[in-house]
Structures are given as C-alpha cells and as structure tokens.
Amino acid sequence: MDFFVFISQQWLLVSALVVLLYALAFSERARAGKPASIHEVTRLINVDGAKVLDVRDRSDYKAGHIVDSVHIPHGEVADRIGELAPLKDKPLIVADKMGQHAGAVGRLLKKQGFQVRRLQGGVSEWTNQSLPLVKG
C-alpha cells in the first residue's frame, strides 16, 4: 500500500524514471543491431547477399539451421571474430534460439564495424513460420 502512496505523491519522479528506463532499453537495442523480421531477413539474404550468423549451441544448430548460415556459438564469437572478417561488406544477421543472445553478440560485432541485424524471435520464430531449415 505504501508503494502506491509513494507513486501518487512522487508521480513526477516515477514518470522520469520510466522515461529514462525506456530510453536506456531503446539505446541498448539500437547498439545491438536493428531487429529484422522474417520477411526482412529473407529479403536481405536474397537481394542484398546478407549472411546469417547462427550463435546457438552445436546441438541446436545440427537439429536445424538456416541455409548457408555461419555457425559460431555465442560464447565463442569474441575469440573467433576473425573468421567473420570477409563478411564485413554485407549485412550480417545474428540468429539465436529465441533472441536471448543476439543482443550481446550484435553489440560486439557492431563495435568491430559489421552491419548487424538481429533475427526477431530467433530461429524459433523462423520455425514457427514454417520456413526451411537444413539439418546436420
């Protein structure tokens, strides 16, 4: 009950806090690469020659991955970033299971000069839309 009394008495401070939290979340999201819908990703791949970087675990990758995707587990990206150097001139789409690791990987890649986009909803959303995956 005291919480609601505080909010009603300090509504200006609470409003400022909410705005600042929103601004922080928005700026963090932008630093990690703009999210791309499934339709945007297919267009980027087919028209702009974008590559998909799959950062899921090996077992998830072998169970099914997007055609011609590059696989580097999220915990290894920092150590293996040199392998991605030839892809700097094209959009690089970071795909993970459901969106939980793409932000951190996207920030790292953006700092290194990559054109980063994040697959919105991850490979789970790709699967939910009945889009093709390659097994193995």
N, C-alpha and C. Protein backbone atom coordinates (compact mmCIF):
# COMPACT_ATOMS: atom_id res chain seq x y z
N MET A 1 0.81 -1.18 0.00
CA MET A 1 0.00 0.00 0.00
C MET A 1 0.87 1.26 0.00
N ASP A 2 1.97 1.22 0.75
CA ASP A 2 2.87 2.38 0.80
C ASP A 2 3.46 2.67 -0.58
N PHE A 3 3.63 1.64 -1.37
CA PHE A 3 4.18 1.80 -2.72
C PHE A 3 3.28 2.71 -3.56
N PHE A 4 1.98 2.48 -3.51
CA PHE A 4 1.03 3.27 -4.28
C PHE A 4 0.94 4.70 -3.76
N VAL A 5 1.09 4.87 -2.48
CA VAL A 5 1.10 6.22 -1.89
C VAL A 5 2.32 6.96 -2.40
N PHE A 6 3.46 6.28 -2.40
CA PHE A 6 4.69 6.89 -2.90
C PHE A 6 4.54 7.32 -4.36
N ILE A 7 3.99 6.43 -5.18
CA ILE A 7 3.80 6.74 -6.60
C ILE A 7 2.88 7.95 -6.78
N SER A 8 1.79 8.00 -6.03
CA SER A 8 0.86 9.12 -6.17
C SER A 8 1.47 10.43 -5.70
N GLN A 9 2.34 10.38 -4.70
CA GLN A 9 2.96 11.61 -4.20
C GLN A 9 4.17 12.02 -5.03
N GLN A 10 4.85 11.05 -5.60
CA GLN A 10 6.08 11.35 -6.36
C GLN A 10 5.90 10.99 -7.84
N TRP A 11 4.77 11.29 -8.40
CA TRP A 11 4.47 10.89 -9.76
C TRP A 11 5.46 11.47 -10.77
N LEU A 12 5.97 12.65 -10.53
CA LEU A 12 6.92 13.26 -11.45
C LEU A 12 8.23 12.47 -11.47
N LEU A 13 8.74 12.10 -10.31
CA LEU A 13 9.97 11.31 -10.25
C LEU A 13 9.78 9.92 -10.87
N VAL A 14 8.65 9.30 -10.59
CA VAL A 14 8.36 7.98 -11.14
C VAL A 14 8.25 8.06 -12.66
N SER A 15 7.61 9.10 -13.17
CA SER A 15 7.49 9.29 -14.62
C SER A 15 8.86 9.46 -15.26
N ALA A 16 9.72 10.26 -14.62
CA ALA A 16 11.07 10.46 -15.14
C ALA A 16 11.85 9.14 -15.15
N LEU A 17 11.69 8.34 -14.11
CA LEU A 17 12.36 7.04 -14.06
C LEU A 17 11.90 6.13 -15.20
N VAL A 18 10.61 6.09 -15.45
CA VAL A 18 10.07 5.26 -16.53
C VAL A 18 10.61 5.72 -17.88
N VAL A 19 10.65 7.02 -18.12
CA VAL A 19 11.18 7.55 -19.38
C VAL A 19 12.66 7.20 -19.53
N LEU A 20 13.43 7.34 -18.48
CA LEU A 20 14.85 7.00 -18.55
C LEU A 20 15.08 5.51 -18.80
N LEU A 21 14.30 4.67 -18.15
CA LEU A 21 14.42 3.23 -18.39
C LEU A 21 14.07 2.87 -19.83
N TYR A 22 13.05 3.50 -20.36
CA TYR A 22 12.67 3.27 -21.75
C TYR A 22 13.78 3.73 -22.70
N ALA A 23 14.35 4.90 -22.43
CA ALA A 23 15.44 5.42 -23.26
C ALA A 23 16.66 4.50 -23.21
N LEU A 24 16.97 3.98 -22.03
CA LEU A 24 18.09 3.05 -21.88
C LEU A 24 17.83 1.78 -22.68
N ALA A 25 16.65 1.23 -22.55
CA ALA A 25 16.31 0.00 -23.29
C ALA A 25 16.38 0.24 -24.79
N PHE A 26 15.87 1.37 -25.25
CA PHE A 26 15.89 1.69 -26.68
C PHE A 26 17.32 1.85 -27.20
N SER A 27 18.17 2.54 -26.44
CA SER A 27 19.55 2.73 -26.89
C SER A 27 20.34 1.42 -26.89
N GLU A 28 20.10 0.57 -25.91
CA GLU A 28 20.77 -0.74 -25.87
C GLU A 28 20.33 -1.60 -27.05
N ARG A 29 19.06 -1.53 -27.37
CA ARG A 29 18.53 -2.29 -28.50
C ARG A 29 19.17 -1.83 -29.81
N ALA A 30 19.33 -0.52 -29.97
CA ALA A 30 19.92 0.03 -31.19
C ALA A 30 21.40 -0.34 -31.30
N ARG A 31 22.10 -0.37 -30.17
CA ARG A 31 23.53 -0.72 -30.19
C ARG A 31 23.78 -2.16 -30.61
N ALA A 32 22.80 -3.01 -30.41
CA ALA A 32 22.96 -4.43 -30.71
C ALA A 32 22.58 -4.77 -32.14
N GLY A 33 22.16 -3.80 -32.91
CA GLY A 33 21.73 -4.05 -34.27
C GLY A 33 20.22 -4.02 -34.34
N LYS A 34 19.72 -3.45 -35.40
CA LYS A 34 18.28 -3.30 -35.56
C LYS A 34 17.63 -4.68 -35.76
N PRO A 35 16.52 -4.93 -35.06
CA PRO A 35 15.84 -6.21 -35.26
C PRO A 35 15.25 -6.29 -36.68
N ALA A 36 15.28 -7.49 -37.24
CA ALA A 36 14.74 -7.70 -38.59
C ALA A 36 13.70 -8.81 -38.53
N SER A 37 12.56 -8.55 -39.14
CA SER A 37 11.51 -9.57 -39.20
C SER A 37 11.93 -10.68 -40.15
N ILE A 38 11.20 -11.76 -40.13
CA ILE A 38 11.49 -12.90 -41.01
C ILE A 38 11.47 -12.44 -42.47
N HIS A 39 10.50 -11.60 -42.82
CA HIS A 39 10.39 -11.13 -44.20
C HIS A 39 11.58 -10.25 -44.59
N GLU A 40 12.01 -9.39 -43.66
CA GLU A 40 13.18 -8.56 -43.93
C GLU A 40 14.43 -9.43 -44.10
N VAL A 41 14.56 -10.44 -43.27
CA VAL A 41 15.72 -11.32 -43.35
C VAL A 41 15.78 -12.04 -44.70
N THR A 42 14.66 -12.57 -45.14
CA THR A 42 14.66 -13.26 -46.44
C THR A 42 14.99 -12.29 -47.57
N ARG A 43 14.51 -11.05 -47.47
CA ARG A 43 14.85 -10.05 -48.49
C ARG A 43 16.34 -9.71 -48.43
N LEU A 44 16.86 -9.52 -47.21
CA LEU A 44 18.28 -9.20 -47.07
C LEU A 44 19.16 -10.31 -47.63
N ILE A 45 18.77 -11.55 -47.41
CA ILE A 45 19.55 -12.68 -47.91
C ILE A 45 19.47 -12.76 -49.44
N ASN A 46 18.26 -12.67 -49.97
CA ASN A 46 18.05 -12.86 -51.41
C ASN A 46 18.46 -11.67 -52.26
N VAL A 47 18.30 -10.45 -51.75
CA VAL A 47 18.59 -9.25 -52.54
C VAL A 47 19.95 -8.65 -52.22
N ASP A 48 20.25 -8.52 -50.93
CA ASP A 48 21.48 -7.83 -50.52
C ASP A 48 22.65 -8.77 -50.24
N GLY A 49 22.44 -10.07 -50.36
CA GLY A 49 23.53 -11.02 -50.11
C GLY A 49 23.94 -11.12 -48.66
N ALA A 50 23.01 -10.86 -47.75
CA ALA A 50 23.32 -10.93 -46.32
C ALA A 50 23.66 -12.37 -45.92
N LYS A 51 24.42 -12.49 -44.85
CA LYS A 51 24.76 -13.79 -44.28
C LYS A 51 24.15 -13.90 -42.89
N VAL A 52 23.79 -15.11 -42.53
CA VAL A 52 23.23 -15.37 -41.20
C VAL A 52 24.32 -15.95 -40.32
N LEU A 53 24.51 -15.37 -39.15
CA LEU A 53 25.41 -15.91 -38.15
C LEU A 53 24.56 -16.58 -37.08
N ASP A 54 24.63 -17.89 -37.01
CA ASP A 54 23.85 -18.67 -36.05
C ASP A 54 24.70 -18.83 -34.79
N VAL A 55 24.24 -18.30 -33.67
CA VAL A 55 25.03 -18.32 -32.44
C VAL A 55 24.47 -19.32 -31.41
N ARG A 56 23.63 -20.24 -31.86
CA ARG A 56 23.08 -21.25 -30.95
C ARG A 56 24.13 -22.32 -30.65
N ASP A 57 23.82 -23.17 -29.69
CA ASP A 57 24.69 -24.29 -29.36
C ASP A 57 24.79 -25.25 -30.54
N ARG A 58 25.85 -26.06 -30.54
CA ARG A 58 26.07 -27.00 -31.65
C ARG A 58 24.89 -27.96 -31.85
N SER A 59 24.34 -28.47 -30.76
CA SER A 59 23.24 -29.43 -30.88
C SER A 59 22.01 -28.79 -31.53
N ASP A 60 21.71 -27.55 -31.16
CA ASP A 60 20.58 -26.85 -31.78
C ASP A 60 20.85 -26.58 -33.25
N TYR A 61 22.09 -26.21 -33.57
CA TYR A 61 22.46 -25.93 -34.96
C TYR A 61 22.32 -27.19 -35.82
N LYS A 62 22.78 -28.32 -35.31
CA LYS A 62 22.69 -29.58 -36.07
C LYS A 62 21.25 -30.04 -36.23
N ALA A 63 20.39 -29.69 -35.27
CA ALA A 63 18.98 -30.08 -35.36
C ALA A 63 18.27 -29.34 -36.49
N GLY A 64 18.77 -28.19 -36.89
CA GLY A 64 18.20 -27.43 -37.99
C GLY A 64 18.68 -26.00 -37.98
N HIS A 65 19.17 -25.54 -39.15
CA HIS A 65 19.67 -24.17 -39.26
C HIS A 65 19.28 -23.58 -40.61
N ILE A 66 19.36 -22.27 -40.71
CA ILE A 66 19.04 -21.56 -41.94
C ILE A 66 20.12 -21.87 -42.97
N VAL A 67 19.70 -22.06 -44.21
CA VAL A 67 20.60 -22.43 -45.30
C VAL A 67 21.77 -21.45 -45.40
N ASP A 68 22.97 -21.99 -45.56
CA ASP A 68 24.22 -21.24 -45.73
C ASP A 68 24.58 -20.35 -44.54
N SER A 69 24.02 -20.63 -43.37
CA SER A 69 24.38 -19.83 -42.20
C SER A 69 25.76 -20.22 -41.70
N VAL A 70 26.42 -19.26 -41.07
CA VAL A 70 27.72 -19.47 -40.46
C VAL A 70 27.45 -19.78 -38.99
N HIS A 71 28.09 -20.84 -38.47
CA HIS A 71 27.83 -21.21 -37.08
C HIS A 71 29.02 -20.92 -36.20
N ILE A 72 28.80 -20.05 -35.22
CA ILE A 72 29.76 -19.81 -34.15
C ILE A 72 28.94 -19.67 -32.88
N PRO A 73 29.07 -20.59 -31.93
CA PRO A 73 28.30 -20.46 -30.68
C PRO A 73 28.57 -19.12 -30.00
N HIS A 74 27.55 -18.57 -29.36
CA HIS A 74 27.64 -17.22 -28.79
C HIS A 74 28.82 -17.05 -27.84
N GLY A 75 29.21 -18.07 -27.13
CA GLY A 75 30.34 -17.97 -26.21
C GLY A 75 31.69 -17.93 -26.89
N GLU A 76 31.73 -18.23 -28.19
CA GLU A 76 32.99 -18.28 -28.93
C GLU A 76 33.16 -17.13 -29.92
N VAL A 77 32.17 -16.29 -30.08
CA VAL A 77 32.21 -15.24 -31.10
C VAL A 77 33.39 -14.30 -30.88
N ALA A 78 33.63 -13.88 -29.66
CA ALA A 78 34.72 -12.93 -29.39
C ALA A 78 36.08 -13.51 -29.81
N ASP A 79 36.27 -14.81 -29.58
CA ASP A 79 37.55 -15.44 -29.92
C ASP A 79 37.67 -15.74 -31.41
N ARG A 80 36.55 -15.92 -32.08
CA ARG A 80 36.57 -16.32 -33.49
C ARG A 80 36.09 -15.23 -34.44
N ILE A 81 36.10 -13.99 -33.99
CA ILE A 81 35.57 -12.90 -34.80
C ILE A 81 36.35 -12.70 -36.10
N GLY A 82 37.59 -13.11 -36.12
CA GLY A 82 38.41 -13.01 -37.33
C GLY A 82 37.85 -13.82 -38.49
N GLU A 83 37.14 -14.90 -38.19
CA GLU A 83 36.53 -15.73 -39.23
C GLU A 83 35.44 -14.98 -39.98
N LEU A 84 34.92 -13.94 -39.37
CA LEU A 84 33.82 -13.19 -39.98
C LEU A 84 34.29 -11.99 -40.79
N ALA A 85 35.58 -11.71 -40.79
CA ALA A 85 36.12 -10.53 -41.49
C ALA A 85 35.69 -10.43 -42.95
N PRO A 86 35.65 -11.53 -43.71
CA PRO A 86 35.21 -11.41 -45.11
C PRO A 86 33.75 -10.97 -45.28
N LEU A 87 32.98 -10.99 -44.20
CA LEU A 87 31.57 -10.65 -44.27
C LEU A 87 31.27 -9.20 -43.89
N LYS A 88 32.32 -8.39 -43.68
CA LYS A 88 32.11 -7.01 -43.22
C LYS A 88 31.38 -6.14 -44.23
N ASP A 89 31.49 -6.45 -45.51
CA ASP A 89 30.87 -5.61 -46.53
C ASP A 89 29.40 -5.94 -46.79
N LYS A 90 28.87 -6.96 -46.10
CA LYS A 90 27.48 -7.37 -46.29
C LYS A 90 26.76 -7.30 -44.94
N PRO A 91 25.42 -7.18 -44.99
CA PRO A 91 24.68 -7.26 -43.73
C PRO A 91 24.89 -8.63 -43.08
N LEU A 92 25.04 -8.64 -41.78
CA LEU A 92 25.22 -9.87 -41.02
C LEU A 92 24.05 -10.00 -40.05
N ILE A 93 23.27 -11.05 -40.22
CA ILE A 93 22.08 -11.26 -39.41
C ILE A 93 22.41 -12.25 -38.30
N VAL A 94 22.29 -11.81 -37.07
CA VAL A 94 22.57 -12.67 -35.92
C VAL A 94 21.30 -13.41 -35.54
N ALA A 95 21.39 -14.73 -35.54
CA ALA A 95 20.24 -15.58 -35.19
C ALA A 95 20.60 -16.45 -34.00
N ASP A 96 19.74 -16.43 -33.01
CA ASP A 96 19.91 -17.32 -31.88
C ASP A 96 18.62 -18.10 -31.69
N LYS A 97 18.48 -18.75 -30.57
CA LYS A 97 17.30 -19.60 -30.37
C LYS A 97 16.00 -18.79 -30.30
N MET A 98 15.97 -17.81 -29.39
CA MET A 98 14.75 -17.02 -29.22
C MET A 98 15.02 -15.53 -29.00
N GLY A 99 16.23 -15.08 -29.21
CA GLY A 99 16.55 -13.67 -29.05
C GLY A 99 17.35 -13.33 -27.81
N GLN A 100 17.71 -14.32 -27.01
CA GLN A 100 18.38 -14.04 -25.74
C GLN A 100 19.86 -13.70 -25.87
N HIS A 101 20.55 -14.16 -26.89
CA HIS A 101 21.99 -13.90 -27.02
C HIS A 101 22.34 -12.98 -28.18
N ALA A 102 21.41 -12.72 -29.05
CA ALA A 102 21.69 -11.92 -30.24
C ALA A 102 22.12 -10.50 -29.90
N GLY A 103 21.58 -9.92 -28.83
CA GLY A 103 21.93 -8.55 -28.46
C GLY A 103 23.38 -8.40 -28.09
N ALA A 104 23.89 -9.28 -27.25
CA ALA A 104 25.29 -9.20 -26.82
C ALA A 104 26.24 -9.42 -28.00
N VAL A 105 25.92 -10.40 -28.83
CA VAL A 105 26.76 -10.68 -30.00
C VAL A 105 26.68 -9.51 -30.98
N GLY A 106 25.49 -8.97 -31.16
CA GLY A 106 25.31 -7.83 -32.06
C GLY A 106 26.13 -6.62 -31.63
N ARG A 107 26.14 -6.33 -30.32
CA ARG A 107 26.95 -5.21 -29.82
C ARG A 107 28.43 -5.42 -30.11
N LEU A 108 28.90 -6.63 -29.88
CA LEU A 108 30.30 -6.96 -30.13
C LEU A 108 30.65 -6.78 -31.60
N LEU A 109 29.79 -7.27 -32.48
CA LEU A 109 30.06 -7.17 -33.92
C LEU A 109 29.97 -5.73 -34.42
N LYS A 110 29.02 -4.98 -33.89
CA LYS A 110 28.89 -3.57 -34.30
C LYS A 110 30.14 -2.78 -33.92
N LYS A 111 30.71 -3.07 -32.75
CA LYS A 111 31.94 -2.39 -32.32
C LYS A 111 33.08 -2.69 -33.29
N GLN A 112 33.03 -3.85 -33.94
CA GLN A 112 34.07 -4.25 -34.87
C GLN A 112 33.80 -3.77 -36.30
N GLY A 113 32.70 -3.04 -36.50
CA GLY A 113 32.41 -2.44 -37.81
C GLY A 113 31.50 -3.25 -38.72
N PHE A 114 30.83 -4.25 -38.20
CA PHE A 114 29.91 -5.04 -39.02
C PHE A 114 28.56 -4.34 -39.14
N GLN A 115 27.86 -4.62 -40.24
CA GLN A 115 26.48 -4.16 -40.44
C GLN A 115 25.57 -5.21 -39.83
N VAL A 116 25.11 -4.99 -38.62
CA VAL A 116 24.43 -6.03 -37.86
C VAL A 116 22.91 -5.82 -37.86
N ARG A 117 22.21 -6.93 -38.07
CA ARG A 117 20.76 -7.01 -37.86
C ARG A 117 20.53 -8.24 -36.99
N ARG A 118 19.44 -8.25 -36.25
CA ARG A 118 19.12 -9.38 -35.39
C ARG A 118 17.82 -10.01 -35.86
N LEU A 119 17.80 -11.34 -35.99
CA LEU A 119 16.60 -12.06 -36.38
C LEU A 119 15.59 -11.98 -35.24
N GLN A 120 14.51 -11.28 -35.49
CA GLN A 120 13.48 -11.07 -34.47
C GLN A 120 12.80 -12.40 -34.14
N GLY A 121 12.85 -12.79 -32.88
CA GLY A 121 12.24 -14.04 -32.46
C GLY A 121 13.15 -15.25 -32.62
N GLY A 122 14.31 -15.05 -33.20
CA GLY A 122 15.28 -16.12 -33.37
C GLY A 122 14.83 -17.23 -34.31
N VAL A 123 15.56 -18.31 -34.28
CA VAL A 123 15.26 -19.45 -35.15
C VAL A 123 13.92 -20.08 -34.76
N SER A 124 13.50 -19.91 -33.53
CA SER A 124 12.19 -20.41 -33.11
C SER A 124 11.08 -19.77 -33.94
N GLU A 125 11.17 -18.48 -34.15
CA GLU A 125 10.16 -17.79 -34.97
C GLU A 125 10.26 -18.24 -36.43
N TRP A 126 11.47 -18.45 -36.92
CA TRP A 126 11.68 -18.96 -38.28
C TRP A 126 10.95 -20.29 -38.43
N THR A 127 11.12 -21.17 -37.45
CA THR A 127 10.47 -22.48 -37.46
C THR A 127 8.95 -22.34 -37.37
N ASN A 128 8.48 -21.45 -36.51
CA ASN A 128 7.03 -21.23 -36.35
C ASN A 128 6.38 -20.76 -37.64
N GLN A 129 7.13 -20.09 -38.48
CA GLN A 129 6.60 -19.60 -39.76
C GLN A 129 6.73 -20.65 -40.87
N SER A 130 7.16 -21.86 -40.49
CA SER A 130 7.33 -23.00 -41.43
C SER A 130 8.32 -22.70 -42.54
N LEU A 131 9.35 -21.94 -42.24
CA LEU A 131 10.40 -21.68 -43.22
C LEU A 131 11.44 -22.81 -43.14
N PRO A 132 12.13 -23.05 -44.24
CA PRO A 132 13.01 -24.22 -44.31
C PRO A 132 14.25 -24.14 -43.42
N LEU A 133 14.62 -25.28 -42.88
CA LEU A 133 15.86 -25.44 -42.12
C LEU A 133 16.63 -26.62 -42.69
N VAL A 134 17.94 -26.54 -42.63
CA VAL A 134 18.81 -27.62 -43.08
C VAL A 134 19.25 -28.38 -41.85
N LYS A 135 19.15 -29.69 -41.88
CA LYS A 135 19.59 -30.50 -40.73
C LYS A 135 21.00 -31.02 -40.97
N GLY A 136 21.72 -31.14 -39.85
CA GLY A 136 23.07 -31.71 -39.96
C GLY A 136 24.15 -30.73 -39.73
